[in-house]
Amino acid sequence: MRIGIEMAIQFTRIEFLTRSKGGDSCRKAAYNARILLKTRYRYKV
């Protein structure tokens, strides 16, 4: 008897964001969700 759910993960990726190199976790999350993120002061979209 097996307990739990078996699931295959086809595509996984890890990426480290650093603010000193221009990384922005909100922008990255919006890109991953394919949502256009607009901010007034930092990025021009």
C-alpha atoms as a PDB file:
ATOM      1  CA  MET A   1       0.000   0.000   0.000  1.00  0.00           C
ATOM      2  CA  ARG A   2       1.337   3.418  -0.964  1.00  0.00           C
ATOM      3  CA  ILE A   3       0.450   6.575   0.852  1.00  0.00           C
ATOM      4  CA  GLY A   4       0.768   9.937  -0.869  1.00  0.00           C
ATOM      5  CA  ILE A   5       0.601  11.306  -4.363  1.00  0.00           C
ATOM      6  CA  GLU A   6       3.156  10.512  -7.018  1.00  0.00           C
ATOM      7  CA  MET A   7       3.831  13.322  -9.412  1.00  0.00           C
ATOM      8  CA  ALA A   8       6.370  13.903 -12.146  1.00  0.00           C
ATOM      9  CA  ILE A   9       8.025  17.283 -12.349  1.00  0.00           C
ATOM     10  CA  GLN A  10       9.209  17.781 -15.904  1.00  0.00           C
ATOM     11  CA  PHE A  11      10.818  21.187 -15.775  1.00  0.00           C
ATOM     12  CA  THR A  12      12.407  22.659 -12.681  1.00  0.00           C
ATOM     13  CA  ARG A  13      14.755  25.578 -12.369  1.00  0.00           C
ATOM     14  CA  ILE A  14      16.249  27.521  -9.505  1.00  0.00           C
ATOM     15  CA  GLU A  15      17.529  31.033  -9.872  1.00  0.00           C
ATOM     16  CA  PHE A  16      19.086  33.268  -7.237  1.00  0.00           C
ATOM     17  CA  LEU A  17      18.199  36.952  -7.454  1.00  0.00           C
ATOM     18  CA  THR A  18      20.389  39.646  -5.949  1.00  0.00           C
ATOM     19  CA  ARG A  19      19.378  43.268  -5.698  1.00  0.00           C
ATOM     20  CA  SER A  20      22.935  44.437  -6.325  1.00  0.00           C
ATOM     21  CA  LYS A  21      22.793  42.845  -9.786  1.00  0.00           C
ATOM     22  CA  GLY A  22      19.369  44.277 -10.606  1.00  0.00           C
ATOM     23  CA  GLY A  23      17.289  41.307  -9.469  1.00  0.00           C
ATOM     24  CA  ASP A  24      13.719  41.900  -8.379  1.00  0.00           C
ATOM     25  CA  SER A  25      11.655  39.059  -6.932  1.00  0.00           C
ATOM     26  CA  CYS A  26       8.310  40.745  -7.731  1.00  0.00           C
ATOM     27  CA  ARG A  27       9.272  41.227 -11.361  1.00  0.00           C
ATOM     28  CA  LYS A  28      10.562  37.640 -11.596  1.00  0.00           C
ATOM     29  CA  ALA A  29       7.358  36.261 -10.061  1.00  0.00           C
ATOM     30  CA  ALA A  30       5.262  38.297 -12.496  1.00  0.00           C
ATOM     31  CA  TYR A  31       7.338  36.998 -15.400  1.00  0.00           C
ATOM     32  CA  ASN A  32       6.919  33.431 -14.202  1.00  0.00           C
ATOM     33  CA  ALA A  33       3.160  33.973 -13.960  1.00  0.00           C
ATOM     34  CA  ARG A  34       3.210  35.739 -17.363  1.00  0.00           C
ATOM     35  CA  ILE A  35       1.648  38.873 -15.929  1.00  0.00           C
ATOM     36  CA  LEU A  36       2.686  42.323 -17.102  1.00  0.00           C
ATOM     37  CA  LEU A  37       4.012  44.238 -14.124  1.00  0.00           C
ATOM     38  CA  LYS A  38       3.992  48.015 -14.294  1.00  0.00           C
ATOM     39  CA  THR A  39       5.838  50.213 -11.853  1.00  0.00           C
ATOM     40  CA  ARG A  40       6.079  53.958 -12.102  1.00  0.00           C
ATOM     41  CA  TYR A  41       9.606  54.540 -10.920  1.00  0.00           C
ATOM     42  CA  ARG A  42      11.807  51.549 -11.650  1.00  0.00           C
ATOM     43  CA  TYR A  43      10.864  49.870 -14.915  1.00  0.00           C
ATOM     44  CA  LYS A  44       9.459  51.279 -18.105  1.00  0.00           C
ATOM     45  CA  VAL A  45       7.005  48.818 -19.645  1.00  0.00           C
END
